[in-house]
C-alpha atoms as a PDB file:
ATOM      1  CA  MET A   1       3.311   0.974  -2.364  1.00  0.00           C
ATOM      2  CA  ASN A   2       0.089  -0.524  -1.313  1.00  0.00           C
ATOM      3  CA  PHE A   3      -2.343   0.106   1.604  1.00  0.00           C
ATOM      4  CA  LEU A   4      -0.106  -0.719   4.577  1.00  0.00           C
ATOM      5  CA  ALA A   5       2.784   1.437   3.459  1.00  0.00           C
ATOM      6  CA  HIS A   6       0.494   4.368   2.601  1.00  0.00           C
ATOM      7  CA  ILE A   7      -1.161   4.239   6.041  1.00  0.00           C
ATOM      8  CA  TYR A   8       2.155   3.799   7.864  1.00  0.00           C
ATOM      9  CA  LEU A   9       3.826   6.718   6.035  1.00  0.00           C
ATOM     10  CA  SER A  10       1.016   9.042   7.178  1.00  0.00           C
ATOM     11  CA  GLY A  11       2.389   9.058  10.717  1.00  0.00           C
ATOM     12  CA  ASN A  12       0.004   9.508  13.589  1.00  0.00           C
ATOM     13  CA  ASN A  13      -2.527  11.817  11.946  1.00  0.00           C
ATOM     14  CA  ASP A  14      -5.816   9.891  11.576  1.00  0.00           C
ATOM     15  CA  LEU A  15      -7.399  12.064   8.859  1.00  0.00           C
ATOM     16  CA  LEU A  16      -4.123  12.115   6.915  1.00  0.00           C
ATOM     17  CA  LYS A  17      -4.161   8.220   7.122  1.00  0.00           C
ATOM     18  CA  ILE A  18      -7.725   8.187   5.714  1.00  0.00           C
ATOM     19  CA  GLY A  19      -6.819  10.510   2.865  1.00  0.00           C
ATOM     20  CA  ASN A  20      -3.659   8.612   2.003  1.00  0.00           C
ATOM     21  CA  PHE A  21      -5.561   5.275   2.135  1.00  0.00           C
ATOM     22  CA  MET A  22      -8.431   6.276  -0.121  1.00  0.00           C
ATOM     23  CA  ALA A  23      -6.481   8.541  -2.519  1.00  0.00           C
ATOM     24  CA  ASP A  24      -6.597   6.104  -5.464  1.00  0.00           C
ATOM     25  CA  SER A  25     -10.420   6.516  -5.610  1.00  0.00           C
ATOM     26  CA  ILE A  26     -10.231  10.291  -5.778  1.00  0.00           C
ATOM     27  CA  ARG A  27      -9.485  11.715  -9.234  1.00  0.00           C
ATOM     28  CA  GLY A  28      -7.989  15.064 -10.291  1.00  0.00           C
ATOM     29  CA  HIS A  29      -9.029  18.130  -8.271  1.00  0.00           C
ATOM     30  CA  HIS A  30     -11.790  16.308  -6.384  1.00  0.00           C
ATOM     31  CA  TYR A  31      -9.393  16.091  -3.446  1.00  0.00           C
ATOM     32  CA  LEU A  32     -10.319  19.759  -2.849  1.00  0.00           C
ATOM     33  CA  ASP A  33     -13.782  18.567  -1.730  1.00  0.00           C
ATOM     34  CA  TYR A  34     -12.314  17.171   1.480  1.00  0.00           C
ATOM     35  CA  PRO A  35     -11.156  18.657   4.790  1.00  0.00           C
ATOM     36  CA  ASP A  36      -7.586  19.972   4.948  1.00  0.00           C
ATOM     37  CA  GLU A  37      -5.957  16.967   6.645  1.00  0.00           C
ATOM     38  CA  ILE A  38      -7.601  14.495   4.266  1.00  0.00           C
ATOM     39  CA  ARG A  39      -6.426  16.662   1.315  1.00  0.00           C
ATOM     40  CA  LYS A  40      -2.887  16.451   2.719  1.00  0.00           C
ATOM     41  CA  GLY A  41      -3.201  12.620   2.892  1.00  0.00           C
ATOM     42  CA  ILE A  42      -4.330  12.470  -0.682  1.00  0.00           C
ATOM     43  CA  LEU A  43      -1.478  14.684  -1.848  1.00  0.00           C
ATOM     44  CA  LEU A  44       1.038  12.658   0.194  1.00  0.00           C
ATOM     45  CA  HIS A  45      -0.309   9.500  -1.507  1.00  0.00           C
ATOM     46  CA  ARG A  46       0.310  11.086  -4.930  1.00  0.00           C
ATOM     47  CA  HIS A  47       3.847  12.122  -3.931  1.00  0.00           C
ATOM     48  CA  ILE A  48       4.545   8.548  -2.663  1.00  0.00           C
ATOM     49  CA  ASP A  49       3.332   7.117  -5.973  1.00  0.00           C
ATOM     50  CA  THR A  50       5.426   9.542  -8.076  1.00  0.00           C
ATOM     51  CA  PHE A  51       8.532   8.930  -5.966  1.00  0.00           C
ATOM     52  CA  THR A  52       8.021   5.160  -6.160  1.00  0.00           C
ATOM     53  CA  ASP A  53       7.367   4.935  -9.885  1.00  0.00           C
ATOM     54  CA  ALA A  54      10.562   6.891 -10.651  1.00  0.00           C
ATOM     55  CA  HIS A  55      12.794   5.226  -8.047  1.00  0.00           C
ATOM     56  CA  PRO A  56      15.630   3.059  -9.568  1.00  0.00           C
ATOM     57  CA  ILE A  57      15.462   0.370  -6.883  1.00  0.00           C
ATOM     58  CA  TYR A  58      11.668  -0.030  -7.277  1.00  0.00           C
ATOM     59  CA  ARG A  59      12.042  -0.085 -11.043  1.00  0.00           C
ATOM     60  CA  LYS A  60      14.746  -2.790 -10.679  1.00  0.00           C
ATOM     61  CA  SER A  61      12.337  -4.934  -8.616  1.00  0.00           C
ATOM     62  CA  LYS A  62       9.426  -4.388 -10.974  1.00  0.00           C
ATOM     63  CA  HIS A  63      11.524  -5.206 -14.029  1.00  0.00           C
ATOM     64  CA  LYS A  64      11.904  -8.743 -12.825  1.00  0.00           C
ATOM     65  CA  LEU A  65       8.145  -9.176 -13.309  1.00  0.00           C
ATOM     66  CA  HIS A  66       7.560  -6.998 -16.359  1.00  0.00           C
ATOM     67  CA  GLU A  67       7.983  -9.545 -19.129  1.00  0.00           C
ATOM     68  CA  LYS A  68       5.298 -11.845 -17.733  1.00  0.00           C
ATOM     69  CA  TYR A  69       2.924  -9.322 -16.122  1.00  0.00           C
ATOM     70  CA  GLY A  70       3.412  -6.140 -18.144  1.00  0.00           C
ATOM     71  CA  HIS A  71       1.597  -3.099 -16.787  1.00  0.00           C
ATOM     72  CA  TYR A  72       0.502  -5.144 -13.768  1.00  0.00           C
ATOM     73  CA  SER A  73       4.031  -5.713 -12.600  1.00  0.00           C
ATOM     74  CA  GLY A  74       3.758  -2.446 -10.707  1.00  0.00           C
ATOM     75  CA  VAL A  75       0.538  -3.467  -8.992  1.00  0.00           C
ATOM     76  CA  ILE A  76       2.169  -6.741  -7.984  1.00  0.00           C
ATOM     77  CA  MET A  77       5.343  -5.091  -6.758  1.00  0.00           C
ATOM     78  CA  ASP A  78       3.331  -2.601  -4.618  1.00  0.00           C
ATOM     79  CA  ILE A  79       1.690  -5.588  -2.851  1.00  0.00           C
ATOM     80  CA  VAL A  80       4.997  -7.440  -2.520  1.00  0.00           C
ATOM     81  CA  TYR A  81       6.688  -4.447  -0.956  1.00  0.00           C
ATOM     82  CA  ASP A  82       3.807  -4.216   1.554  1.00  0.00           C
ATOM     83  CA  HIS A  83       4.588  -7.865   2.359  1.00  0.00           C
ATOM     84  CA  TYR A  84       8.101  -6.945   3.360  1.00  0.00           C
ATOM     85  CA  LEU A  85       6.897  -4.039   5.463  1.00  0.00           C
ATOM     86  CA  ALA A  86       4.396  -6.329   7.282  1.00  0.00           C
ATOM     87  CA  LYS A  87       6.853  -9.159   7.640  1.00  0.00           C
ATOM     88  CA  ASN A  88       9.470  -6.809   9.176  1.00  0.00           C
ATOM     89  CA  TRP A  89       6.941  -4.640  10.982  1.00  0.00           C
ATOM     90  CA  SER A  90       8.811  -4.704  14.340  1.00  0.00           C
ATOM     91  CA  LYS A  91      11.708  -2.857  12.652  1.00  0.00           C
ATOM     92  CA  TYR A  92       9.413   0.017  11.801  1.00  0.00           C
ATOM     93  CA  SER A  93       6.894   0.253  14.631  1.00  0.00           C
ATOM     94  CA  ASP A  94       6.747  -0.529  18.367  1.00  0.00           C
ATOM     95  CA  GLU A  95       3.084  -1.334  18.017  1.00  0.00           C
ATOM     96  CA  LYS A  96       2.084  -4.835  17.044  1.00  0.00           C
ATOM     97  CA  LEU A  97       0.792  -5.150  13.508  1.00  0.00           C
ATOM     98  CA  ASP A  98      -2.435  -6.791  14.700  1.00  0.00           C
ATOM     99  CA  ASP A  99      -3.132  -3.823  16.988  1.00  0.00           C
ATOM    100  CA  TYR A 100      -2.169  -1.307  14.328  1.00  0.00           C
ATOM    101  CA  ALA A 101      -4.505  -2.897  11.819  1.00  0.00           C
ATOM    102  CA  ALA A 102      -7.393  -3.163  14.324  1.00  0.00           C
ATOM    103  CA  THR A 103      -7.004   0.530  15.199  1.00  0.00           C
ATOM    104  CA  PHE A 104      -7.027   1.522  11.507  1.00  0.00           C
ATOM    105  CA  TYR A 105     -10.100  -0.604  10.720  1.00  0.00           C
ATOM    106  CA  LYS A 106     -11.913   1.086  13.641  1.00  0.00           C
ATOM    107  CA  LEU A 107     -10.784   4.486  12.304  1.00  0.00           C
ATOM    108  CA  LEU A 108     -12.407   3.615   8.921  1.00  0.00           C
ATOM    109  CA  GLN A 109     -15.586   2.489  10.610  1.00  0.00           C
ATOM    110  CA  ASP A 110     -15.801   5.660  12.755  1.00  0.00           C
ATOM    111  CA  ASN A 111     -15.324   7.892   9.688  1.00  0.00           C
ATOM    112  CA  TYR A 112     -17.456   5.862   7.299  1.00  0.00           C
ATOM    113  CA  GLU A 113     -19.331   8.923   5.961  1.00  0.00           C
ATOM    114  CA  ILE A 114     -16.059  10.548   4.808  1.00  0.00           C
ATOM    115  CA  LEU A 115     -14.971   7.518   2.711  1.00  0.00           C
ATOM    116  CA  THR A 116     -15.501   7.298  -1.035  1.00  0.00           C
ATOM    117  CA  VAL A 117     -18.227   4.894  -2.170  1.00  0.00           C
ATOM    118  CA  SER A 118     -15.629   2.447  -3.587  1.00  0.00           C
ATOM    119  CA  VAL A 119     -13.776   2.405  -0.245  1.00  0.00           C
ATOM    120  CA  GLN A 120     -17.053   1.899   1.621  1.00  0.00           C
ATOM    121  CA  LYS A 121     -17.743  -1.109  -0.527  1.00  0.00           C
ATOM    122  CA  MET A 122     -14.261  -2.587  -0.137  1.00  0.00           C
ATOM    123  CA  MET A 123     -13.929  -1.980   3.618  1.00  0.00           C
ATOM    124  CA  PRO A 124     -16.000  -4.956   4.853  1.00  0.00           C
ATOM    125  CA  TYR A 125     -13.837  -7.391   2.791  1.00  0.00           C
ATOM    126  CA  MET A 126     -10.618  -5.761   3.933  1.00  0.00           C
ATOM    127  CA  ILE A 127     -11.621  -6.015   7.547  1.00  0.00           C
ATOM    128  CA  SER A 128     -13.110  -9.466   7.439  1.00  0.00           C
ATOM    129  CA  ARG A 129     -10.036 -10.850   5.644  1.00  0.00           C
ATOM    130  CA  ASN A 130      -7.688  -8.679   7.667  1.00  0.00           C
ATOM    131  CA  TRP A 131      -5.685  -7.601   4.597  1.00  0.00           C
ATOM    132  CA  LEU A 132      -3.167  -5.478   6.520  1.00  0.00           C
ATOM    133  CA  VAL A 133      -2.040  -8.388   8.665  1.00  0.00           C
ATOM    134  CA  SER A 134      -2.332 -10.878   5.806  1.00  0.00           C
ATOM    135  CA  TYR A 135       0.445  -9.133   3.989  1.00  0.00           C
ATOM    136  CA  ALA A 136       2.983 -10.555   6.488  1.00  0.00           C
ATOM    137  CA  SER A 137       2.802 -14.185   5.296  1.00  0.00           C
ATOM    138  CA  LEU A 138       3.388 -15.653   1.878  1.00  0.00           C
ATOM    139  CA  GLU A 139      -0.006 -17.349   2.116  1.00  0.00           C
ATOM    140  CA  GLY A 140      -1.630 -14.020   2.842  1.00  0.00           C
ATOM    141  CA  LEU A 141       0.304 -12.430   0.006  1.00  0.00           C
ATOM    142  CA  GLU A 142      -0.869 -15.103  -2.374  1.00  0.00           C
ATOM    143  CA  MET A 143      -4.493 -14.533  -1.223  1.00  0.00           C
ATOM    144  CA  ILE A 144      -4.235 -10.813  -1.820  1.00  0.00           C
ATOM    145  CA  LEU A 145      -2.665 -11.365  -5.287  1.00  0.00           C
ATOM    146  CA  PHE A 146      -5.553 -13.659  -6.096  1.00  0.00           C
ATOM    147  CA  GLN A 147      -8.115 -11.038  -4.922  1.00  0.00           C
ATOM    148  CA  MET A 148      -6.373  -8.361  -7.016  1.00  0.00           C
ATOM    149  CA  ASP A 149      -6.409 -10.686  -9.986  1.00  0.00           C
ATOM    150  CA  TYR A 150     -10.185 -11.107  -9.514  1.00  0.00           C
ATOM    151  CA  ARG A 151     -10.706  -7.337  -9.348  1.00  0.00           C
ATOM    152  CA  THR A 152      -8.820  -6.975 -12.641  1.00  0.00           C
ATOM    153  CA  LYS A 153     -10.874  -9.698 -14.348  1.00  0.00           C
ATOM    154  CA  HIS A 154      -7.961 -12.208 -14.443  1.00  0.00           C
ATOM    155  CA  ARG A 155      -6.062 -10.293 -17.103  1.00  0.00           C
ATOM    156  CA  VAL A 156      -2.633 -11.645 -16.151  1.00  0.00           C
ATOM    157  CA  ASN A 157      -3.110 -14.227 -13.397  1.00  0.00           C
ATOM    158  CA  MET A 158      -1.462 -12.091 -10.749  1.00  0.00           C
ATOM    159  CA  GLN A 159      -1.614 -14.834  -8.144  1.00  0.00           C
ATOM    160  CA  GLN A 160       0.965 -16.775 -10.220  1.00  0.00           C
ATOM    161  CA  ALA A 161       3.507 -14.041  -9.312  1.00  0.00           C
ATOM    162  CA  ILE A 162       4.060 -15.880  -6.042  1.00  0.00           C
ATOM    163  CA  VAL A 163       6.464 -18.075  -8.088  1.00  0.00           C
ATOM    164  CA  GLU A 164       8.645 -15.057  -8.890  1.00  0.00           C
ATOM    165  CA  VAL A 165       8.309 -13.691  -5.388  1.00  0.00           C
ATOM    166  CA  LYS A 166       9.796 -16.918  -4.042  1.00  0.00           C
ATOM    167  CA  GLN A 167      12.413 -16.995  -6.791  1.00  0.00           C
ATOM    168  CA  TYR A 168      13.659 -13.480  -5.983  1.00  0.00           C
ATOM    169  CA  TYR A 169      12.642 -13.348  -2.383  1.00  0.00           C
ATOM    170  CA  THR A 170      15.955 -12.255  -0.839  1.00  0.00           C
ATOM    171  CA  GLU A 171      16.719  -9.771  -3.644  1.00  0.00           C
ATOM    172  CA  PHE A 172      13.230  -8.207  -3.379  1.00  0.00           C
ATOM    173  CA  GLU A 173      13.611  -7.891   0.415  1.00  0.00           C
ATOM    174  CA  GLU A 174      17.017  -6.203   0.147  1.00  0.00           C
ATOM    175  CA  GLU A 175      15.673  -3.872  -2.529  1.00  0.00           C
ATOM    176  CA  PHE A 176      12.636  -3.018  -0.459  1.00  0.00           C
ATOM    177  CA  THR A 177      14.748  -2.282   2.678  1.00  0.00           C
ATOM    178  CA  LEU A 178      17.004   0.204   0.800  1.00  0.00           C
ATOM    179  CA  TYR A 179      14.165   1.812  -1.050  1.00  0.00           C
ATOM    180  CA  PHE A 180      11.915   2.147   2.008  1.00  0.00           C
ATOM    181  CA  GLU A 181      14.568   4.018   3.970  1.00  0.00           C
ATOM    182  CA  GLU A 182      14.658   6.608   1.267  1.00  0.00           C
ATOM    183  CA  LEU A 183      10.879   6.705   0.980  1.00  0.00           C
ATOM    184  CA  GLN A 184      10.450   7.324   4.718  1.00  0.00           C
ATOM    185  CA  GLN A 185      12.844  10.310   4.521  1.00  0.00           C
ATOM    186  CA  HIS A 186      11.064  11.620   1.446  1.00  0.00           C
ATOM    187  CA  CYS A 187       7.682  11.422   3.245  1.00  0.00           C
ATOM    188  CA  LYS A 188       9.013  13.278   6.311  1.00  0.00           C
ATOM    189  CA  GLU A 189      10.158  16.135   4.059  1.00  0.00           C
ATOM    190  CA  LYS A 190       6.893  16.166   2.092  1.00  0.00           C
ATOM    191  CA  LEU A 191       4.808  16.269   5.271  1.00  0.00           C
ATOM    192  CA  LEU A 192       6.662  19.403   6.341  1.00  0.00           C
ATOM    193  CA  GLU A 193       5.918  21.014   2.989  1.00  0.00           C
ATOM    194  CA  LEU A 194       2.231  20.044   3.144  1.00  0.00           C
END
């Protein structure tokens, strides 16, 4: 899962959201350097990634991209699954996606000093391009795939994956819906453990 899902699956705890959001830039035991609620967010992020990578539905989706995009098929699928979450946001939240995103961006700005350096550098682009809302449209999805391709030095032309997204659009959406139901339940259980 990508940014939107990680934030959403953190529930209403602001520090947990921050930890879950920036977890990819925190390696190994460095999560112990953070306050308790941020640590929980980082650990939740890791549980989500482990659950996702092993899940048969996610693997089925990713397999459709693997021949052409190799290792990056997972990166692409994470972004594509965020597209379906954003597109169907009203099924998952009573709050409008625009409002949810604006609240989260403000949360990042208000807690700037807690963020990792890489997140601090990325944040202005994320906010100015409104990534969380951009996920909802195919045009926004294509833009995000292009930006990810740029960040990975154009190794596999990720933005071209929009062709496969359109080709398998309904299948991917059905797979996401089934998978995300299970992931939400898994996260509720993990949050009780943490």
